[in-house]
C-alpha cells in the first residue's frame, strides 16, 4: 500500500516512535518532535505491542461493513435502468 504524500507518519517514523519509547522518551515529547498528537504515538505503541513490526504497516481505510448499502438486486436494477437510458 502506498503512503499518502501528506502522511505525518510512515513505517520508518512509526518505528522511530517505538524506538524512542523504548529509549525512555514520553509520548508527548515524541509527538512534539514528530508533529503529531500524543494519541497517535500511543496508537502506534499499542499496535506494535499487539502485532510487532507488522502492526506498523498501513491499513486500508475501507469500512468493514456498510449497513446502508443497497442490495445486489437494487444495484442491478439501477444499473439496468441507466444502461437502457444511455443506449436510447
PDB file of N, CA and C in Angstrom:
ATOM      1  N   UNK A   1       0.855  -1.172   0.000  1.00  0.00           N
ATOM      2  CA  UNK A   1       0.000   0.000   0.000  1.00  0.00           C
ATOM      3  C   UNK A   1       0.899   1.233   0.000  1.00  0.00           C
ATOM      4  N   UNK A   2       0.565   2.193  -0.820  1.00  0.00           N
ATOM      5  CA  UNK A   2       1.353   3.418  -0.904  1.00  0.00           C
ATOM      6  C   UNK A   2       1.035   4.338   0.268  1.00  0.00           C
ATOM      7  N   UNK A   3       2.057   5.069   0.698  1.00  0.00           N
ATOM      8  CA  UNK A   3       1.872   6.049   1.764  1.00  0.00           C
ATOM      9  C   UNK A   3       1.361   7.337   1.150  1.00  0.00           C
ATOM     10  N   UNK A   4       0.362   7.925   1.759  1.00  0.00           N
ATOM     11  CA  UNK A   4      -0.192   9.187   1.290  1.00  0.00           C
ATOM     12  C   UNK A   4       0.896  10.248   1.307  1.00  0.00           C
ATOM     13  N   UNK A   5       0.944  11.106   0.294  1.00  0.00           N
ATOM     14  CA  UNK A   5       2.027  12.080   0.190  1.00  0.00           C
ATOM     15  C   UNK A   5       2.073  13.077   1.347  1.00  0.00           C
ATOM     16  N   UNK A   6       0.958  13.301   2.023  1.00  0.00           N
ATOM     17  CA  UNK A   6       0.930  14.236   3.146  1.00  0.00           C
ATOM     18  C   UNK A   6       0.883  13.529   4.498  1.00  0.00           C
ATOM     19  N   UNK A   7       1.189  12.240   4.512  1.00  0.00           N
ATOM     20  CA  UNK A   7       1.113  11.467   5.749  1.00  0.00           C
ATOM     21  C   UNK A   7       2.139  11.963   6.759  1.00  0.00           C
ATOM     22  N   UNK A   8       1.717  12.127   7.992  1.00  0.00           N
ATOM     23  CA  UNK A   8       2.625  12.557   9.062  1.00  0.00           C
ATOM     24  C   UNK A   8       3.538  11.421   9.493  1.00  0.00           C
ATOM     25  N   UNK A   9       3.030  10.190   9.392  1.00  0.00           N
ATOM     26  CA  UNK A   9       3.846   9.055   9.801  1.00  0.00           C
ATOM     27  C   UNK A   9       3.990   8.074   8.645  1.00  0.00           C
ATOM     28  N   UNK A  10       5.140   7.443   8.583  1.00  0.00           N
ATOM     29  CA  UNK A  10       5.427   6.366   7.638  1.00  0.00           C
ATOM     30  C   UNK A  10       5.890   5.180   8.464  1.00  0.00           C
ATOM     31  N   UNK A  11       6.185   4.055   7.806  1.00  0.00           N
ATOM     32  CA  UNK A  11       6.676   2.907   8.568  1.00  0.00           C
ATOM     33  C   UNK A  11       7.961   3.267   9.312  1.00  0.00           C
ATOM     34  N   UNK A  12       8.797   4.069   8.679  1.00  0.00           N
ATOM     35  CA  UNK A  12      10.054   4.474   9.304  1.00  0.00           C
ATOM     36  C   UNK A  12       9.794   5.322  10.559  1.00  0.00           C
ATOM     37  N   UNK A  13       8.937   6.322  10.446  1.00  0.00           N
ATOM     38  CA  UNK A  13       8.688   7.189  11.608  1.00  0.00           C
ATOM     39  C   UNK A  13       7.917   6.453  12.699  1.00  0.00           C
ATOM     40  N   UNK A  14       7.119   5.464  12.320  1.00  0.00           N
ATOM     41  CA  UNK A  14       6.415   4.669  13.334  1.00  0.00           C
ATOM     42  C   UNK A  14       7.397   3.812  14.120  1.00  0.00           C
ATOM     43  N   UNK A  15       8.405   3.281  13.411  1.00  0.00           N
ATOM     44  CA  UNK A  15       9.446   2.514  14.097  1.00  0.00           C
ATOM     45  C   UNK A  15      10.264   3.440  14.989  1.00  0.00           C
ATOM     46  N   UNK A  16      10.467   4.670  14.534  1.00  0.00           N
ATOM     47  CA  UNK A  16      11.166   5.669  15.342  1.00  0.00           C
ATOM     48  C   UNK A  16      10.392   5.946  16.637  1.00  0.00           C
ATOM     49  N   UNK A  17       9.084   6.001  16.544  1.00  0.00           N
ATOM     50  CA  UNK A  17       8.241   6.180  17.727  1.00  0.00           C
ATOM     51  C   UNK A  17       8.509   5.058  18.726  1.00  0.00           C
ATOM     52  N   UNK A  18       8.483   3.825  18.221  1.00  0.00           N
ATOM     53  CA  UNK A  18       8.700   2.660  19.087  1.00  0.00           C
ATOM     54  C   UNK A  18      10.090   2.712  19.721  1.00  0.00           C
ATOM     55  N   UNK A  19      11.098   3.040  18.915  1.00  0.00           N
ATOM     56  CA  UNK A  19      12.470   3.102  19.429  1.00  0.00           C
ATOM     57  C   UNK A  19      12.625   4.194  20.492  1.00  0.00           C
ATOM     58  N   UNK A  20      12.013   5.338  20.244  1.00  0.00           N
ATOM     59  CA  UNK A  20      12.116   6.427  21.221  1.00  0.00           C
ATOM     60  C   UNK A  20      11.381   6.087  22.513  1.00  0.00           C
ATOM     61  N   UNK A  21      10.248   5.420  22.399  1.00  0.00           N
ATOM     62  CA  UNK A  21       9.544   4.989  23.608  1.00  0.00           C
ATOM     63  C   UNK A  21      10.416   4.019  24.406  1.00  0.00           C
ATOM     64  N   UNK A  22      11.082   3.106  23.697  1.00  0.00           N
ATOM     65  CA  UNK A  22      11.978   2.155  24.367  1.00  0.00           C
ATOM     66  C   UNK A  22      13.177   2.878  24.983  1.00  0.00           C
ATOM     67  N   UNK A  23      13.545   4.019  24.402  1.00  0.00           N
ATOM     68  CA  UNK A  23      14.664   4.803  24.920  1.00  0.00           C
ATOM     69  C   UNK A  23      14.292   5.719  26.070  1.00  0.00           C
ATOM     70  N   UNK A  24      13.038   5.684  26.480  1.00  0.00           N
ATOM     71  CA  UNK A  24      12.618   6.460  27.641  1.00  0.00           C
ATOM     72  C   UNK A  24      11.932   7.780  27.331  1.00  0.00           C
ATOM     73  N   UNK A  25      11.722   8.091  26.065  1.00  0.00           N
ATOM     74  CA  UNK A  25      11.008   9.320  25.716  1.00  0.00           C
ATOM     75  C   UNK A  25       9.552   9.195  26.157  1.00  0.00           C
ATOM     76  N   UNK A  26       8.932  10.319  26.447  1.00  0.00           N
ATOM     77  CA  UNK A  26       7.494  10.322  26.742  1.00  0.00           C
ATOM     78  C   UNK A  26       6.719  10.446  25.438  1.00  0.00           C
ATOM     79  N   UNK A  27       5.472  10.035  25.477  1.00  0.00           N
ATOM     80  CA  UNK A  27       4.625  10.139  24.283  1.00  0.00           C
ATOM     81  C   UNK A  27       4.483  11.597  23.853  1.00  0.00           C
ATOM     82  N   UNK A  28       4.392  12.494  24.801  1.00  0.00           N
ATOM     83  CA  UNK A  28       4.256  13.916  24.487  1.00  0.00           C
ATOM     84  C   UNK A  28       5.514  14.453  23.811  1.00  0.00           C
ATOM     85  N   UNK A  29       6.685  14.069  24.285  1.00  0.00           N
ATOM     86  CA  UNK A  29       7.938  14.538  23.691  1.00  0.00           C
ATOM     87  C   UNK A  29       8.085  14.014  22.257  1.00  0.00           C
ATOM     88  N   UNK A  30       7.728  12.758  22.042  1.00  0.00           N
ATOM     89  CA  UNK A  30       7.800  12.186  20.699  1.00  0.00           C
ATOM     90  C   UNK A  30       6.810  12.878  19.778  1.00  0.00           C
ATOM     91  N   UNK A  31       5.613  13.103  20.274  1.00  0.00           N
ATOM     92  CA  UNK A  31       4.579  13.766  19.470  1.00  0.00           C
ATOM     93  C   UNK A  31       5.030  15.159  19.063  1.00  0.00           C
ATOM     94  N   UNK A  32       5.609  15.894  19.978  1.00  0.00           N
ATOM     95  CA  UNK A  32       6.109  17.238  19.671  1.00  0.00           C
ATOM     96  C   UNK A  32       7.212  17.184  18.617  1.00  0.00           C
ATOM     97  N   UNK A  33       8.114  16.213  18.748  1.00  0.00           N
ATOM     98  CA  UNK A  33       9.234  16.094  17.816  1.00  0.00           C
ATOM     99  C   UNK A  33       8.773  15.724  16.404  1.00  0.00           C
ATOM    100  N   UNK A  34       7.717  14.917  16.312  1.00  0.00           N
ATOM    101  CA  UNK A  34       7.244  14.457  15.001  1.00  0.00           C
ATOM    102  C   UNK A  34       6.070  15.267  14.459  1.00  0.00           C
ATOM    103  N   UNK A  35       5.541  16.170  15.254  1.00  0.00           N
ATOM    104  CA  UNK A  35       4.413  16.984  14.801  1.00  0.00           C
ATOM    105  C   UNK A  35       3.107  16.231  14.727  1.00  0.00           C
ATOM    106  N   UNK A  36       2.920  15.284  15.644  1.00  0.00           N
ATOM    107  CA  UNK A  36       1.667  14.528  15.699  1.00  0.00           C
ATOM    108  C   UNK A  36       1.074  14.654  17.097  1.00  0.00           C
ATOM    109  N   UNK A  37      -0.114  14.138  17.265  1.00  0.00           N
ATOM    110  CA  UNK A  37      -0.799  14.152  18.546  1.00  0.00           C
ATOM    111  C   UNK A  37      -0.267  13.020  19.429  1.00  0.00           C
ATOM    112  N   UNK A  38      -0.175  13.211  20.739  1.00  0.00           N
ATOM    113  CA  UNK A  38       0.257  12.116  21.618  1.00  0.00           C
ATOM    114  C   UNK A  38      -0.618  10.866  21.485  1.00  0.00           C
ATOM    115  N   UNK A  39      -1.872  11.056  21.143  1.00  0.00           N
ATOM    116  CA  UNK A  39      -2.772   9.912  20.938  1.00  0.00           C
ATOM    117  C   UNK A  39      -2.282   9.045  19.773  1.00  0.00           C
ATOM    118  N   UNK A  40      -1.712   9.692  18.740  1.00  0.00           N
ATOM    119  CA  UNK A  40      -1.157   8.960  17.604  1.00  0.00           C
ATOM    120  C   UNK A  40       0.029   8.118  18.051  1.00  0.00           C
ATOM    121  N   UNK A  41       0.872   8.680  18.897  1.00  0.00           N
ATOM    122  CA  UNK A  41       2.027   7.946  19.423  1.00  0.00           C
ATOM    123  C   UNK A  41       1.543   6.721  20.196  1.00  0.00           C
ATOM    124  N   UNK A  42       0.539   6.895  21.024  1.00  0.00           N
ATOM    125  CA  UNK A  42       0.022   5.776  21.813  1.00  0.00           C
ATOM    126  C   UNK A  42      -0.628   4.721  20.919  1.00  0.00           C
ATOM    127  N   UNK A  43      -1.280   5.148  19.835  1.00  0.00           N
ATOM    128  CA  UNK A  43      -1.891   4.196  18.899  1.00  0.00           C
ATOM    129  C   UNK A  43      -0.829   3.283  18.300  1.00  0.00           C
ATOM    130  N   UNK A  44       0.281   3.865  17.834  1.00  0.00           N
ATOM    131  CA  UNK A  44       1.338   3.054  17.220  1.00  0.00           C
ATOM    132  C   UNK A  44       2.054   2.206  18.261  1.00  0.00           C
ATOM    133  N   UNK A  45       2.183   2.721  19.475  1.00  0.00           N
ATOM    134  CA  UNK A  45       2.770   1.938  20.565  1.00  0.00           C
ATOM    135  C   UNK A  45       1.932   0.693  20.819  1.00  0.00           C
ATOM    136  N   UNK A  46       0.616   0.876  20.894  1.00  0.00           N
ATOM    137  CA  UNK A  46      -0.282  -0.235  21.180  1.00  0.00           C
ATOM    138  C   UNK A  46      -0.310  -1.244  20.036  1.00  0.00           C
ATOM    139  N   UNK A  47      -0.307  -0.758  18.801  1.00  0.00           N
ATOM    140  CA  UNK A  47      -0.298  -1.684  17.666  1.00  0.00           C
ATOM    141  C   UNK A  47       0.995  -2.486  17.616  1.00  0.00           C
ATOM    142  N   UNK A  48       2.120  -1.820  17.928  1.00  0.00           N
ATOM    143  CA  UNK A  48       3.392  -2.530  17.952  1.00  0.00           C
ATOM    144  C   UNK A  48       3.399  -3.579  19.062  1.00  0.00           C
ATOM    145  N   UNK A  49       2.857  -3.240  20.209  1.00  0.00           N
ATOM    146  CA  UNK A  49       2.804  -4.181  21.325  1.00  0.00           C
ATOM    147  C   UNK A  49       1.944  -5.397  20.989  1.00  0.00           C
ATOM    148  N   UNK A  50       0.874  -5.188  20.250  1.00  0.00           N
ATOM    149  CA  UNK A  50      -0.044  -6.275  19.923  1.00  0.00           C
ATOM    150  C   UNK A  50       0.417  -7.111  18.729  1.00  0.00           C
ATOM    151  N   UNK A  51       1.054  -6.454  17.732  1.00  0.00           N
ATOM    152  CA  UNK A  51       1.333  -7.154  16.478  1.00  0.00           C
ATOM    153  C   UNK A  51       2.799  -7.154  16.055  1.00  0.00           C
ATOM    154  N   UNK A  52       3.648  -6.469  16.795  1.00  0.00           N
ATOM    155  CA  UNK A  52       5.051  -6.386  16.403  1.00  0.00           C
ATOM    156  C   UNK A  52       5.232  -5.448  15.222  1.00  0.00           C
ATOM    157  N   UNK A  53       6.271  -5.670  14.437  1.00  0.00           N
ATOM    158  CA  UNK A  53       6.583  -4.797  13.302  1.00  0.00           C
ATOM    159  C   UNK A  53       5.436  -4.771  12.295  1.00  0.00           C
ATOM    160  N   UNK A  54       4.721  -5.865  12.137  1.00  0.00           N
ATOM    161  CA  UNK A  54       3.596  -5.918  11.203  1.00  0.00           C
ATOM    162  C   UNK A  54       2.511  -4.900  11.567  1.00  0.00           C
ATOM    163  N   UNK A  55       2.401  -4.556  12.833  1.00  0.00           N
ATOM    164  CA  UNK A  55       1.405  -3.589  13.279  1.00  0.00           C
ATOM    165  C   UNK A  55       1.708  -2.165  12.850  1.00  0.00           C
ATOM    166  N   UNK A  56       2.923  -1.920  12.346  1.00  0.00           N
ATOM    167  CA  UNK A  56       3.311  -0.569  11.941  1.00  0.00           C
ATOM    168  C   UNK A  56       3.027  -0.295  10.469  1.00  0.00           C
ATOM    169  N   UNK A  57       2.498  -1.269   9.747  1.00  0.00           N
ATOM    170  CA  UNK A  57       2.207  -1.073   8.330  1.00  0.00           C
ATOM    171  C   UNK A  57       0.877  -0.353   8.146  1.00  0.00           C
ATOM    172  N   UNK A  58       0.704   0.226   6.969  1.00  0.00           N
ATOM    173  CA  UNK A  58      -0.538   0.919   6.642  1.00  0.00           C
ATOM    174  C   UNK A  58      -1.683  -0.073   6.553  1.00  0.00           C
ATOM    175  N   UNK A  59      -2.857   0.395   6.876  1.00  0.00           N
ATOM    176  CA  UNK A  59      -4.066  -0.418   6.777  1.00  0.00           C
ATOM    177  C   UNK A  59      -5.057   0.269   5.859  1.00  0.00           C
ATOM    178  N   UNK A  60      -5.944  -0.501   5.316  1.00  0.00           N
ATOM    179  CA  UNK A  60      -6.977   0.046   4.458  1.00  0.00           C
ATOM    180  C   UNK A  60      -7.939   0.893   5.295  1.00  0.00           C
ATOM    181  N   UNK A  61      -8.417   1.973   4.699  1.00  0.00           N
ATOM    182  CA  UNK A  61      -9.398   2.807   5.397  1.00  0.00           C
ATOM    183  C   UNK A  61     -10.821   2.416   5.021  1.00  0.00           C
ATOM    184  N   UNK A  62     -10.955   1.368   4.210  1.00  0.00           N
ATOM    185  CA  UNK A  62     -12.278   0.896   3.803  1.00  0.00           C
ATOM    186  C   UNK A  62     -13.013   0.353   5.025  1.00  0.00           C
ATOM    187  N   UNK A  63     -14.284   0.711   5.173  1.00  0.00           N
ATOM    188  CA  UNK A  63     -15.038   0.225   6.336  1.00  0.00           C
ATOM    189  C   UNK A  63     -15.232  -1.290   6.275  1.00  0.00           C
ATOM    190  N   UNK A  64     -15.347  -1.916   7.429  1.00  0.00           N
ATOM    191  CA  UNK A  64     -15.558  -3.360   7.494  1.00  0.00           C
ATOM    192  C   UNK A  64     -16.961  -3.755   7.049  1.00  0.00           C
ATOM    193  N   UNK A  65     -17.883  -2.845   7.219  1.00  0.00           N
ATOM    194  CA  UNK A  65     -19.259  -3.124   6.783  1.00  0.00           C
ATOM    195  C   UNK A  65     -19.933  -1.810   6.393  1.00  0.00           C
ATOM    196  N   UNK A  66     -20.967  -1.915   5.569  1.00  0.00           N
ATOM    197  CA  UNK A  66     -21.722  -0.746   5.124  1.00  0.00           C
ATOM    198  C   UNK A  66     -23.206  -1.043   5.324  1.00  0.00           C
ATOM    199  N   UNK A  67     -23.746  -0.707   6.478  1.00  0.00           N
ATOM    200  CA  UNK A  67     -25.128  -1.086   6.779  1.00  0.00           C
ATOM    201  C   UNK A  67     -26.171  -0.439   5.871  1.00  0.00           C
ATOM    202  N   UNK A  68     -25.857   0.670   5.224  1.00  0.00           N
ATOM    203  CA  UNK A  68     -26.841   1.323   4.361  1.00  0.00           C
ATOM    204  C   UNK A  68     -26.633   1.000   2.878  1.00  0.00           C
ATOM    205  N   UNK A  69     -25.767   0.041   2.581  1.00  0.00           N
ATOM    206  CA  UNK A  69     -25.501  -0.327   1.192  1.00  0.00           C
ATOM    207  C   UNK A  69     -26.750  -0.939   0.577  1.00  0.00           C
ATOM    208  N   UNK A  70     -26.936  -0.654  -0.700  1.00  0.00           N
ATOM    209  CA  UNK A  70     -28.066  -1.222  -1.423  1.00  0.00           C
ATOM    210  C   UNK A  70     -27.899  -2.721  -1.588  1.00  0.00           C
ATOM    211  N   UNK A  71     -29.009  -3.407  -1.742  1.00  0.00           N
ATOM    212  CA  UNK A  71     -28.944  -4.841  -2.004  1.00  0.00           C
ATOM    213  C   UNK A  71     -28.428  -5.063  -3.428  1.00  0.00           C
ATOM    214  N   UNK A  72     -27.949  -6.247  -3.699  1.00  0.00           N
ATOM    215  CA  UNK A  72     -27.441  -6.580  -5.038  1.00  0.00           C
ATOM    216  C   UNK A  72     -28.549  -6.418  -6.076  1.00  0.00           C
ATOM    217  N   UNK A  73     -29.771  -6.786  -5.707  1.00  0.00           N
ATOM    218  CA  UNK A  73     -30.906  -6.655  -6.626  1.00  0.00           C
ATOM    219  C   UNK A  73     -31.149  -5.183  -6.978  1.00  0.00           C
ATOM    220  N   UNK A  74     -31.113  -4.312  -5.990  1.00  0.00           N
ATOM    221  CA  UNK A  74     -31.331  -2.885  -6.236  1.00  0.00           C
ATOM    222  C   UNK A  74     -30.212  -2.312  -7.111  1.00  0.00           C
ATOM    223  N   UNK A  75     -28.973  -2.720  -6.868  1.00  0.00           N
ATOM    224  CA  UNK A  75     -27.849  -2.264  -7.697  1.00  0.00           C
ATOM    225  C   UNK A  75     -28.032  -2.709  -9.146  1.00  0.00           C
ATOM    226  N   UNK A  76     -28.430  -3.962  -9.328  1.00  0.00           N
ATOM    227  CA  UNK A  76     -28.648  -4.479 -10.680  1.00  0.00           C
ATOM    228  C   UNK A  76     -29.759  -3.722 -11.396  1.00  0.00           C
ATOM    229  N   UNK A  77     -30.811  -3.407 -10.664  1.00  0.00           N
ATOM    230  CA  UNK A  77     -31.943  -2.684 -11.247  1.00  0.00           C
ATOM    231  C   UNK A  77     -31.527  -1.275 -11.686  1.00  0.00           C
ATOM    232  N   UNK A  78     -30.776  -0.585 -10.860  1.00  0.00           N
ATOM    233  CA  UNK A  78     -30.288   0.757 -11.196  1.00  0.00           C
ATOM    234  C   UNK A  78     -29.358   0.690 -12.395  1.00  0.00           C
ATOM    235  N   UNK A  79     -28.476  -0.295 -12.397  1.00  0.00           N
ATOM    236  CA  UNK A  79     -27.546  -0.459 -13.500  1.00  0.00           C
ATOM    237  C   UNK A  79     -28.294  -0.741 -14.809  1.00  0.00           C
ATOM    238  N   UNK A  80     -29.310  -1.577 -14.749  1.00  0.00           N
ATOM    239  CA  UNK A  80     -30.098  -1.884 -15.946  1.00  0.00           C
ATOM    240  C   UNK A  80     -30.816  -0.653 -16.455  1.00  0.00           C
ATOM    241  N   UNK A  81     -31.373   0.148 -15.578  1.00  0.00           N
ATOM    242  CA  UNK A  81     -32.083   1.359 -15.988  1.00  0.00           C
ATOM    243  C   UNK A  81     -31.127   2.368 -16.600  1.00  0.00           C
ATOM    244  N   UNK A  82     -29.951   2.531 -16.024  1.00  0.00           N
ATOM    245  CA  UNK A  82     -29.002   3.510 -16.572  1.00  0.00           C
ATOM    246  C   UNK A  82     -28.425   3.020 -17.893  1.00  0.00           C
ATOM    247  N   UNK A  83     -28.335   1.700 -18.097  1.00  0.00           N
ATOM    248  CA  UNK A  83     -27.867   1.170 -19.375  1.00  0.00           C
ATOM    249  C   UNK A  83     -28.916   1.436 -20.456  1.00  0.00           C
ATOM    250  N   UNK A  84     -30.191   1.227 -20.109  1.00  0.00           N
ATOM    251  CA  UNK A  84     -31.270   1.470 -21.070  1.00  0.00           C
ATOM    252  C   UNK A  84     -31.340   2.942 -21.430  1.00  0.00           C
ATOM    253  N   UNK A  85     -31.159   3.825 -20.464  1.00  0.00           N
ATOM    254  CA  UNK A  85     -31.229   5.261 -20.716  1.00  0.00           C
ATOM    255  C   UNK A  85     -30.059   5.737 -21.569  1.00  0.00           C
ATOM    256  N   UNK A  86     -28.883   5.152 -21.383  1.00  0.00           N
ATOM    257  CA  UNK A  86     -27.723   5.611 -22.145  1.00  0.00           C
ATOM    258  C   UNK A  86     -27.720   5.071 -23.563  1.00  0.00           C
ATOM    259  N   UNK A  87     -28.405   3.969 -23.821  1.00  0.00           N
ATOM    260  CA  UNK A  87     -28.430   3.417 -25.179  1.00  0.00           C
ATOM    261  C   UNK A  87     -29.585   3.968 -26.011  1.00  0.00           C
ATOM    262  N   UNK A  88     -30.429   4.781 -25.398  1.00  0.00           N
ATOM    263  CA  UNK A  88     -31.578   5.337 -26.117  1.00  0.00           C
ATOM    264  C   UNK A  88     -31.195   6.576 -26.905  1.00  0.00           C
TER     265      UNK A  88
END
